[in-house]
Protein backbone atom coordinates (compact mmCIF):
# COMPACT_ATOMS: atom_id res chain seq x y z
CA MET A 1 -0.04 0.10 -0.17
CA LYS A 2 1.69 3.47 -1.21
CA LYS A 3 1.47 6.35 1.41
CA PHE A 4 2.88 9.51 -0.07
CA LEU A 5 4.01 12.71 0.90
CA PRO A 6 3.78 15.54 -1.46
CA ILE A 7 7.32 17.30 -1.98
CA LEU A 8 6.04 20.63 -3.38
CA LEU A 9 3.08 21.63 -1.46
CA VAL A 10 2.52 24.91 -3.34
CA LEU A 11 1.64 22.43 -6.32
CA LEU A 12 -1.19 21.33 -4.38
CA LEU A 13 -2.52 24.49 -3.80
CA ALA A 14 -1.96 26.01 -7.11
CA GLY A 15 -4.93 27.72 -8.70
CA PHE A 16 -7.68 26.09 -10.89
CA CYS A 17 -9.57 27.50 -14.31
CA TYR A 18 -12.99 26.75 -13.03
CA SER A 19 -15.77 25.85 -15.93
CA GLN A 20 -19.23 24.88 -15.69
CA TRP A 21 -21.24 22.18 -17.26
CA THR A 22 -22.92 22.97 -20.70
CA ALA A 23 -25.50 21.09 -23.26
CA VAL A 24 -24.02 19.89 -26.03
CA GLY A 25 -25.27 17.39 -28.49
CA THR A 26 -28.25 14.82 -28.42
CA VAL A 27 -28.88 11.18 -28.60
CA SER A 28 -32.02 9.06 -28.49
CA SER A 29 -33.38 5.68 -27.48
CA VAL A 30 -30.49 5.08 -24.79
CA GLY A 31 -32.99 4.16 -22.08
CA SER A 32 -32.80 5.43 -18.37
CA TYR A 33 -29.32 4.44 -17.71
CA PRO A 34 -27.22 5.46 -20.56
CA SER A 35 -23.18 4.79 -19.83
CA LEU A 36 -20.60 6.93 -21.42
CA SER A 37 -17.01 6.46 -21.97
CA VAL A 38 -14.54 9.49 -23.18
CA ALA A 39 -11.77 8.30 -25.01
CA SER A 40 -10.25 11.68 -25.72
CA PRO A 41 -11.11 15.32 -25.29
CA ASN A 42 -13.09 15.00 -29.01
CA ILE A 43 -14.19 11.13 -28.95
CA VAL A 44 -17.04 10.21 -26.43
CA PHE A 45 -19.48 7.19 -26.74
CA VAL A 46 -23.23 6.89 -25.20
CA ALA A 47 -24.42 3.73 -24.97
CA GLY A 48 -27.64 1.87 -23.58
CA GLY A 49 -31.12 0.92 -25.35
CA PRO A 50 -34.51 0.14 -24.77
CA SER A 51 -35.33 -3.29 -23.58
CA GLY A 52 -33.85 -5.95 -26.10
CA VAL A 53 -32.52 -3.48 -28.60
CA PRO A 54 -28.58 -1.76 -28.19
CA TYR A 55 -28.03 1.75 -29.08
CA ILE A 56 -24.61 2.92 -29.50
CA TRP A 57 -23.49 6.65 -30.28
CA ARG A 58 -20.24 8.21 -31.07
CA SER A 59 -19.29 12.02 -31.34
CA THR A 60 -15.75 12.85 -32.78
CA ASN A 61 -16.64 16.54 -32.30
CA ALA A 62 -16.59 17.21 -28.48
CA GLY A 63 -20.04 16.11 -28.40
CA VAL A 64 -21.65 18.53 -31.00
CA THR A 65 -23.23 15.91 -32.91
CA PHE A 66 -23.60 12.11 -32.43
CA THR A 67 -23.59 9.27 -34.89
CA GLN A 68 -25.26 5.86 -34.29
CA LEU A 69 -22.69 3.01 -34.82
CA PRO A 70 -23.90 -0.30 -36.46
CA THR A 71 -24.42 -3.11 -33.56
CA SER A 72 -24.96 -6.15 -35.92
CA GLY A 73 -23.94 -8.98 -33.54
CA VAL A 74 -24.99 -7.56 -30.11
CA SER A 75 -27.93 -9.05 -29.46
CA LEU A 76 -29.47 -6.92 -26.36
CA GLU A 77 -29.50 -3.26 -24.85
CA VAL A 78 -25.98 -2.62 -23.39
CA TYR A 79 -25.28 -1.46 -19.71
CA CYS A 80 -21.86 -0.53 -20.00
CA VAL A 81 -18.82 1.01 -22.79
CA TRP A 82 -15.42 1.58 -22.84
CA GLY A 83 -13.81 3.23 -26.08
CA VAL A 84 -9.92 2.89 -26.55
CA ASP A 85 -10.44 5.21 -29.60
CA ALA A 86 -12.87 6.39 -32.41
CA ASN A 87 -12.91 2.62 -33.58
CA THR A 88 -12.02 0.23 -30.90
CA ILE A 89 -14.73 -0.20 -28.12
CA PHE A 90 -16.01 -2.59 -25.69
CA VAL A 91 -20.12 -2.89 -24.58
CA GLY A 92 -21.53 -5.54 -22.07
CA ASP A 93 -25.13 -6.52 -21.86
CA GLY A 94 -27.47 -7.66 -19.13
CA GLY A 95 -27.99 -11.18 -19.87
CA ALA A 96 -31.48 -10.90 -21.05
CA ALA A 97 -33.93 -8.26 -21.86
CA GLY A 98 -34.40 -5.44 -19.70
CA GLY A 99 -31.13 -6.25 -17.86
CA ALA A 100 -33.01 -9.41 -16.12
CA GLY A 101 -29.82 -11.47 -15.68
CA GLY A 102 -28.70 -14.36 -17.63
CA ASN A 103 -25.46 -15.55 -19.71
CA ALA A 104 -24.39 -12.01 -20.04
CA LYS A 105 -21.88 -10.90 -23.06
CA PHE A 106 -19.24 -8.32 -23.63
CA TYR A 107 -18.40 -7.44 -27.27
CA LYS A 108 -15.61 -5.87 -28.92
CA THR A 109 -15.54 -4.03 -32.28
CA THR A 110 -12.23 -2.29 -33.79
CA ASN A 111 -14.02 -0.92 -36.88
CA GLY A 112 -16.29 1.44 -35.31
CA GLY A 113 -19.32 -0.98 -35.09
CA THR A 114 -19.14 -2.65 -38.51
CA ASN A 115 -18.52 -5.89 -36.82
CA TRP A 116 -19.08 -6.94 -33.19
CA THR A 117 -17.60 -10.13 -31.81
CA ILE A 118 -18.23 -11.67 -28.34
CA VAL A 119 -15.06 -11.63 -26.31
CA LEU A 120 -16.34 -13.72 -23.41
CA GLN A 121 -19.62 -14.48 -22.01
CA THR A 122 -20.55 -15.35 -18.21
CA GLY A 123 -22.73 -18.87 -18.43
CA GLY A 124 -25.09 -19.13 -15.80
CA THR A 125 -28.68 -17.67 -15.65
CA ALA A 126 -27.76 -14.46 -13.50
CA GLY A 127 -24.80 -12.75 -15.01
CA PHE A 128 -25.17 -9.05 -15.95
CA ILE A 129 -21.95 -6.96 -17.12
CA ASN A 130 -22.00 -4.13 -14.84
CA GLY A 131 -18.73 -2.32 -16.11
CA ILE A 132 -15.79 -2.55 -18.52
CA VAL A 133 -13.07 -0.21 -17.29
CA PHE A 134 -9.32 0.16 -17.99
CA SER A 135 -6.60 1.87 -15.80
CA ARG A 136 -6.18 5.56 -16.88
CA THR A 137 -2.57 5.12 -15.80
CA ASN A 138 -1.91 1.78 -17.18
CA PRO A 139 -4.18 1.50 -20.37
CA ASN A 140 -3.07 -2.28 -20.58
CA PHE A 141 -4.66 -3.10 -17.79
CA GLY A 142 -8.53 -3.37 -17.67
CA VAL A 143 -11.39 -5.14 -15.80
CA VAL A 144 -15.02 -6.40 -16.65
CA GLU A 145 -17.10 -7.58 -13.77
CA SER A 146 -20.42 -9.10 -13.63
CA ASP A 147 -22.94 -10.34 -11.01
CA PRO A 148 -22.49 -13.70 -9.92
CA PRO A 149 -23.87 -15.81 -13.16
CA THR A 150 -24.29 -18.66 -10.82
CA GLY A 151 -25.04 -18.94 -7.00
CA THR A 152 -23.40 -16.10 -5.30
CA THR A 153 -19.87 -15.84 -6.75
CA TYR A 154 -18.83 -12.64 -8.79
CA TRP A 155 -17.41 -12.86 -12.23
CA ILE A 156 -14.36 -10.83 -13.36
CA ALA A 157 -12.06 -10.73 -16.83
CA LYS A 158 -8.99 -9.20 -16.64
CA THR A 159 -6.77 -8.18 -19.46
CA HIS A 160 -2.90 -7.13 -19.60
CA ASP A 161 -2.28 -6.41 -22.90
CA GLY A 162 -5.08 -3.84 -23.71
CA GLY A 163 -7.96 -6.08 -24.37
CA ASN A 164 -6.39 -8.42 -26.92
CA ASN A 165 -6.32 -11.44 -24.21
CA TRP A 166 -8.73 -11.92 -21.18
CA TYR A 167 -8.67 -14.51 -18.43
CA VAL A 168 -11.66 -15.02 -16.07
CA THR A 169 -10.94 -14.82 -12.06
CA ASN A 170 -13.72 -15.47 -9.17
CA PRO A 171 -13.21 -12.94 -6.42
CA PRO A 172 -13.72 -15.16 -3.21
CA LEU A 173 -16.51 -13.05 -2.18
CA SER A 174 -20.15 -14.42 -1.95
CA GLY A 175 -23.36 -11.94 -2.19
CA ALA A 176 -25.94 -10.43 -4.02
CA ALA A 177 -25.69 -8.37 -7.27
CA SER A 178 -23.26 -5.89 -7.92
CA ALA A 179 -24.15 -2.46 -9.05
CA GLN A 180 -24.15 -0.67 -12.98
CA ASN A 181 -21.05 1.53 -13.63
CA SER A 182 -19.75 1.32 -10.03
CA ILE A 183 -16.55 -0.30 -10.93
CA ILE A 184 -13.09 1.26 -10.09
CA VAL A 185 -9.62 0.39 -11.57
CA VAL A 186 -6.29 2.28 -10.38
CA ASP A 187 -4.06 -0.23 -11.61
CA SER A 188 -3.43 -4.13 -12.07
CA PHE A 189 -2.80 -4.23 -8.10
CA PHE A 190 -5.88 -2.09 -6.92
CA TYR A 191 -9.67 -2.64 -8.25
CA GLY A 192 -12.97 -3.22 -6.93
CA PHE A 193 -16.89 -2.70 -7.46
CA GLY A 194 -19.93 -1.67 -5.62
CA LEU A 195 -22.81 -3.77 -4.27
CA ASN A 196 -26.44 -3.97 -4.95
CA ALA A 197 -27.72 -4.75 -1.76
CA ALA A 198 -27.73 -4.04 1.99
CA PRO A 199 -25.69 -3.49 3.66
CA THR A 200 -23.96 -0.95 1.61
CA ARG A 201 -20.45 -2.01 0.72
CA VAL A 202 -17.69 -2.41 -1.83
CA GLY A 203 -15.66 -4.99 -2.75
CA LEU A 204 -11.83 -4.05 -3.29
CA THR A 205 -8.56 -5.84 -3.89
CA THR A 206 -5.36 -4.48 -3.07
CA ASN A 207 -3.09 -6.98 -4.50
CA ALA A 208 -3.89 -7.97 -7.61
CA GLY A 209 -6.83 -10.19 -6.43
CA LEU A 210 -4.84 -12.42 -4.65
CA ASN A 211 -7.07 -11.10 -1.34
CA TRP A 212 -10.26 -9.50 -1.72
CA THR A 213 -12.55 -7.68 1.38
CA TYR A 214 -15.65 -6.58 1.78
CA GLN A 215 -15.82 -2.64 3.04
CA THR A 216 -18.88 -1.32 4.88
CA LEU A 217 -19.51 2.09 3.90
CA VAL A 218 -20.53 5.02 6.32
CA GLY A 219 -22.63 7.81 4.87
CA ALA A 220 -23.28 6.44 1.32
CA VAL A 221 -26.56 5.40 1.03
CA SER A 222 -30.03 4.35 2.65
CA SER A 223 -30.69 0.69 3.38
CA SER A 224 -33.04 0.68 0.42
CA GLY A 225 -30.24 1.83 -2.16
CA PHE A 226 -27.05 0.43 -3.95
CA ILE A 227 -23.50 1.74 -4.41
CA SER A 228 -24.13 3.68 -7.82
CA GLY A 229 -20.89 5.89 -7.39
CA PHE A 230 -17.36 4.65 -6.40
CA ALA A 231 -14.12 6.33 -7.26
CA PHE A 232 -10.35 6.31 -6.03
CA SER A 233 -7.41 8.37 -6.45
CA THR A 234 -4.36 6.86 -7.91
CA ASP A 235 -2.40 7.26 -4.70
CA LYS A 236 -4.74 4.34 -3.38
CA LEU A 237 -5.40 5.83 -0.27
CA ASN A 238 -8.42 8.36 -0.80
CA GLY A 239 -11.77 7.05 -2.26
CA ILE A 240 -15.27 7.85 -2.18
CA ALA A 241 -18.58 5.91 -2.68
CA ALA A 242 -21.98 7.19 -2.69
CA GLY A 243 -25.56 5.30 -3.81
CA SER A 244 -28.78 5.47 -5.50
CA THR A 245 -30.50 7.60 -2.79
CA THR A 246 -28.09 10.25 -1.97
CA SER A 247 -28.71 13.21 -0.33
CA ASN A 248 -26.22 15.06 1.27
CA THR A 249 -23.68 12.84 2.70
CA ILE A 250 -21.22 10.49 0.54
CA SER A 251 -18.95 7.92 2.26
CA ARG A 252 -15.07 8.62 1.99
CA THR A 253 -11.95 7.16 3.20
CA THR A 254 -8.38 8.28 3.63
CA ASN A 255 -6.29 4.59 4.09
CA ALA A 256 -7.35 2.59 1.20
CA GLY A 257 -10.92 1.56 2.44
CA THR A 258 -9.81 0.33 6.12
CA THR A 259 -12.13 2.61 7.39
CA TRP A 260 -14.98 5.15 5.76
CA VAL A 261 -16.41 7.98 7.21
CA SER A 262 -19.81 9.71 6.41
CA GLN A 263 -18.51 13.30 4.53
CA SER A 264 -21.06 16.41 3.74
CA ILE A 265 -21.36 17.58 0.25
CA PRO A 266 -23.79 20.61 -0.42
CA SER A 267 -26.27 18.89 -2.11
CA SER A 268 -30.03 19.79 -1.93
CA VAL A 269 -31.10 16.90 -3.97
CA THR A 270 -33.22 14.53 -2.40
CA SER A 271 -32.82 11.10 -2.72
CA GLY A 272 -31.06 11.17 -5.87
CA TYR A 273 -28.62 8.85 -8.16
CA CYS A 274 -24.73 9.64 -7.23
CA THR A 275 -22.05 8.86 -9.81
CA MET A 276 -18.43 10.01 -9.46
CA LYS A 277 -15.07 10.33 -11.04
CA TRP A 278 -11.42 10.77 -9.76
CA VAL A 279 -8.56 12.77 -11.67
CA PRO A 280 -5.87 10.49 -12.21
CA ASN A 281 -2.48 11.57 -10.38
CA GLN A 282 -4.53 14.94 -8.75
CA PRO A 283 -6.47 15.21 -5.47
CA ILE A 284 -9.57 16.54 -7.68
CA CYS A 285 -12.72 14.47 -7.84
CA TYR A 286 -16.31 15.34 -9.40
CA VAL A 287 -19.52 14.05 -8.01
CA ILE A 288 -23.12 14.44 -9.78
CA VAL A 289 -26.37 13.91 -7.68
CA SER A 290 -29.37 13.43 -9.89
CA SER A 291 -33.11 12.63 -9.04
CA THR A 292 -36.31 12.81 -11.39
CA SER A 293 -36.31 16.39 -10.61
CA ALA A 294 -33.17 18.17 -10.07
CA THR A 295 -29.12 17.62 -10.92
CA GLN A 296 -26.44 19.00 -9.04
CA CYS A 297 -22.56 18.38 -9.67
CA PHE A 298 -19.87 19.23 -6.91
CA LYS A 299 -16.16 19.18 -6.94
CA SER A 300 -13.28 18.80 -4.42
CA ILE A 301 -9.71 19.89 -5.02
CA ASN A 302 -8.60 18.18 -1.84
CA ASN A 303 -9.11 14.79 -1.81
CA GLY A 304 -13.13 14.88 -1.17
CA VAL A 305 -12.48 17.00 2.31
CA THR A 306 -14.33 20.07 1.02
CA TRP A 307 -16.69 20.28 -1.87
CA THR A 308 -17.74 23.13 -4.37
CA SER A 309 -20.79 23.52 -6.08
CA MET A 310 -20.75 23.63 -9.96
CA THR A 311 -23.42 24.78 -12.45
CA PHE A 312 -25.01 22.35 -14.11
CA PRO A 313 -27.84 22.92 -16.60
CA ALA A 314 -31.74 21.90 -15.59
CA ALA A 315 -31.40 18.14 -15.98
CA THR A 316 -32.83 14.96 -14.57
CA GLY A 317 -31.88 11.65 -14.65
CA VAL A 318 -28.07 12.05 -15.05
CA ASN A 319 -26.87 8.84 -13.84
CA HIS A 320 -23.35 8.38 -15.26
CA PHE A 321 -20.46 10.49 -16.57
CA ASP A 322 -17.16 10.12 -17.60
CA ILE A 323 -13.97 12.55 -17.93
CA TYR A 324 -10.42 12.38 -19.30
CA TYR A 325 -7.70 14.12 -18.26
CA ASP A 326 -4.82 15.13 -20.24
CA ASN A 327 -1.64 15.36 -18.17
CA VAL A 328 0.34 17.39 -20.63
CA THR A 329 -2.11 20.23 -21.14
CA GLY A 330 -3.78 19.73 -17.87
CA PHE A 331 -7.62 19.80 -19.41
CA VAL A 332 -10.41 17.77 -17.78
CA THR A 333 -12.92 16.84 -20.28
CA GLY A 334 -16.17 15.16 -19.16
CA TYR A 335 -19.49 14.09 -20.42
CA ALA A 336 -22.69 13.30 -18.89
CA CYS A 337 -26.22 12.19 -20.33
CA SER A 338 -29.54 12.28 -18.93
CA GLY A 339 -32.15 9.56 -19.43
CA THR A 340 -33.65 11.61 -22.17
CA GLY A 341 -30.60 11.90 -24.36
CA GLN A 342 -29.32 15.33 -23.54
CA VAL A 343 -25.50 15.23 -23.59
CA TYR A 344 -23.56 17.63 -21.22
CA LYS A 345 -20.03 18.61 -21.49
CA LEU A 346 -17.37 19.93 -18.74
CA SER A 347 -14.15 21.33 -20.08
CA GLU A 348 -11.51 23.05 -17.38
CA GLN A 349 -7.90 23.63 -17.13
CA ILE A 350 -5.86 22.54 -13.83
CA THR A 351 -3.38 25.16 -13.90
CA GLY A 352 -1.46 23.68 -11.15
CA ILE A 353 -0.43 20.32 -11.89
CA ILE A 354 1.04 17.84 -9.60
CA ASP A 355 3.74 15.59 -10.99
CA PRO A 356 3.27 12.23 -9.91
CA ASN A 357 6.96 11.36 -10.00
CA ASN A 358 7.60 14.09 -7.08
CA GLU A 359 5.92 11.77 -4.61
CA ILE A 360 7.71 10.32 -1.76
CA PRO A 361 6.55 6.98 0.08
CA SER A 362 6.39 7.29 3.94
CA ASP A 363 7.40 3.66 4.27
CA PHE A 364 9.36 0.95 2.42
CA ILE A 365 6.84 -1.11 0.56
CA LEU A 366 7.00 -4.18 -1.48
CA MET A 367 4.12 -4.97 -3.89
CA GLN A 368 2.79 -8.01 -5.28
CA ASN A 369 4.36 -8.56 -8.76
CA TYR A 370 1.96 -8.57 -11.59
CA PRO A 371 0.83 -10.31 -13.90
CA ASN A 372 0.70 -13.08 -11.48
CA PRO A 373 0.88 -16.02 -12.38
CA PHE A 374 3.06 -14.88 -15.36
CA ASN A 375 4.83 -16.23 -18.25
CA PRO A 376 7.71 -15.58 -18.87
CA THR A 377 7.97 -11.93 -17.38
CA THR A 378 6.66 -9.99 -14.55
CA THR A 379 7.22 -6.54 -13.04
CA ILE A 380 7.90 -5.99 -9.47
CA GLU A 381 7.29 -2.61 -7.78
CA TYR A 382 8.71 -1.30 -4.63
CA SER A 383 9.17 2.03 -2.86
CA THR A 384 11.46 3.86 -0.58
CA PRO A 385 11.15 6.63 1.65
CA LYS A 386 15.07 7.42 1.70
CA THR A 387 18.17 6.84 -0.52
CA ALA A 388 19.06 3.11 0.77
CA TYR A 389 21.01 0.30 -0.41
CA VAL A 390 18.61 -2.51 -1.75
CA THR A 391 18.43 -5.52 -3.00
CA VAL A 392 15.68 -7.66 -4.77
CA LYS A 393 16.44 -11.15 -4.70
CA VAL A 394 14.63 -13.94 -6.21
CA TYR A 395 14.30 -17.79 -4.52
CA ASN A 396 13.23 -21.17 -5.60
CA ILE A 397 10.72 -23.31 -3.39
CA LEU A 398 13.53 -24.79 -1.58
CA GLY A 399 14.81 -21.50 -0.61
CA GLU A 400 17.84 -21.45 -2.85
CA GLU A 401 18.75 -18.05 -4.28
CA VAL A 402 18.16 -17.96 -8.16
CA THR A 403 18.99 -14.64 -9.32
CA THR A 404 19.45 -10.94 -7.97
CA LEU A 405 17.30 -8.33 -9.64
CA VAL A 406 18.53 -5.43 -7.62
CA ALA A 407 21.77 -4.66 -5.66
CA GLU A 408 22.58 -1.03 -5.64
CA GLN A 409 21.81 2.37 -3.80
CA LYS A 410 18.27 3.77 -4.95
CA GLN A 411 17.07 7.14 -4.30
CA ALA A 412 13.88 7.60 -2.35
CA GLY A 413 10.80 7.31 -4.53
CA ASN A 414 8.88 4.43 -6.49
CA HIS A 415 10.80 1.59 -8.56
CA ALA A 416 10.10 -1.29 -10.73
CA VAL A 417 12.25 -4.02 -11.98
CA THR A 418 11.63 -6.74 -14.39
CA PHE A 419 11.89 -10.19 -13.56
CA ASP A 420 12.32 -12.68 -16.83
CA ALA A 421 11.93 -16.39 -15.88
CA SER A 422 12.65 -17.62 -19.68
CA ASN A 423 15.18 -19.82 -18.53
CA TYR A 424 13.64 -20.81 -15.11
CA SER A 425 10.90 -23.92 -14.82
CA THR A 426 7.38 -23.72 -13.95
CA GLY A 427 6.76 -23.66 -10.39
CA ILE A 428 6.47 -21.13 -7.22
CA TYR A 429 9.12 -18.46 -6.80
CA TYR A 430 9.66 -15.97 -3.61
CA TYR A 431 10.94 -12.88 -4.05
CA THR A 432 12.59 -10.53 -1.20
CA LEU A 433 13.38 -6.73 -0.76
CA THR A 434 15.86 -5.70 1.71
CA ALA A 435 16.70 -2.32 2.46
CA ASP A 436 18.16 -0.72 5.86
CA ASN A 437 16.03 -2.83 8.47
CA PHE A 438 13.38 -3.69 6.13
CA ARG A 439 12.88 -7.09 4.70
CA GLU A 440 9.63 -8.71 3.21
CA THR A 441 9.36 -11.63 1.00
CA LYS A 442 6.13 -12.52 -1.32
CA LYS A 443 5.29 -15.46 -3.35
CA MET A 444 5.04 -15.65 -7.35
CA ILE A 445 3.87 -18.43 -9.72
CA LEU A 446 5.57 -19.07 -13.12
CA THR A 447 3.47 -20.94 -15.50
CA LYS A 448 4.64 -22.22 -18.91
């Protein structure tokens, strides 16, 4: 778990050029719960559909106009979308018409919808693809999450190569349905999803899926609601969550979800559907609360401690939005859509940009390697809070040293090393980080 102390606090407090949401183009027939994906400031997708009929729209001119994409091969309305670029798109369905659950599928096109292929399907009779999300900081890693297709075991598919290859895992959690578009993916270690039943909880892994925990939220939602919004900072410490019956509080954590507290927001919406996003490598997050009578947006620039209202046009039923952050220009571009098909846009520039490379960890940390299992290479990340002589060594199951990956003085910061096991046999290996008085060992599995 990484804990960071900013080197230049002045960057954290730098000014912002505030902008507000404006209405742009429109789409039709996307249903009451359309999903969005922003691939770039100018490219945005809106997907949904009435019961049994998929509708997928694309804009390549910053939301001014939208074009309906072909959906041949997609058999049902869709409940989530992820656009990699203008032509490479993933969508997922609800298993049956109306999202009733079944053998849910997620699809891919590489030619803007001319052809769609089924990537994977959940099997069972209760699958529902709640989200397809790729890491904004490591775009090669992505997660697809479904309700338990059979029984109470959840279904997750992961990719480490940008969506070309996927493998299915089943988190060791059991429970009821999860919630549409409540999926978070920070990186290949840290991801999770919200639940669609009381008690109000999220499921989270911090070590690439080796272990999962249920985390009960405080202040997020009443007992009758479900987790409709979930967002985490790339520092993996600060997170927020909220639900489908949000009024003026959300749930907030500052310790990677170990504990959650009720956090006030200046909302006057009564029992609204709440959705949220976090700007990568920034202490900035956005929340939209929307009901059948009003919609409001709020922004925090201090990891959710305090919130400022943003102007949002008169709208109802805004149940999802997405953002894109350009860390070169400092622009945040967001798009939202109402159940009536009106699309809204946010464009603002962050004038004080925090360089994530200027972050110092507060402890020695050894992360779980990724991918794991692996063949034949894997990455090991570690952090040092000060300059120190560091060794990273690999051992076989007998405890015999097989190679030394690092043996040198390292500056304070975050580091990574690759282990190439091309010349080693399938099996269990261990790697150890030693620095000062710190020593930690983790297990990894080579499969050939």
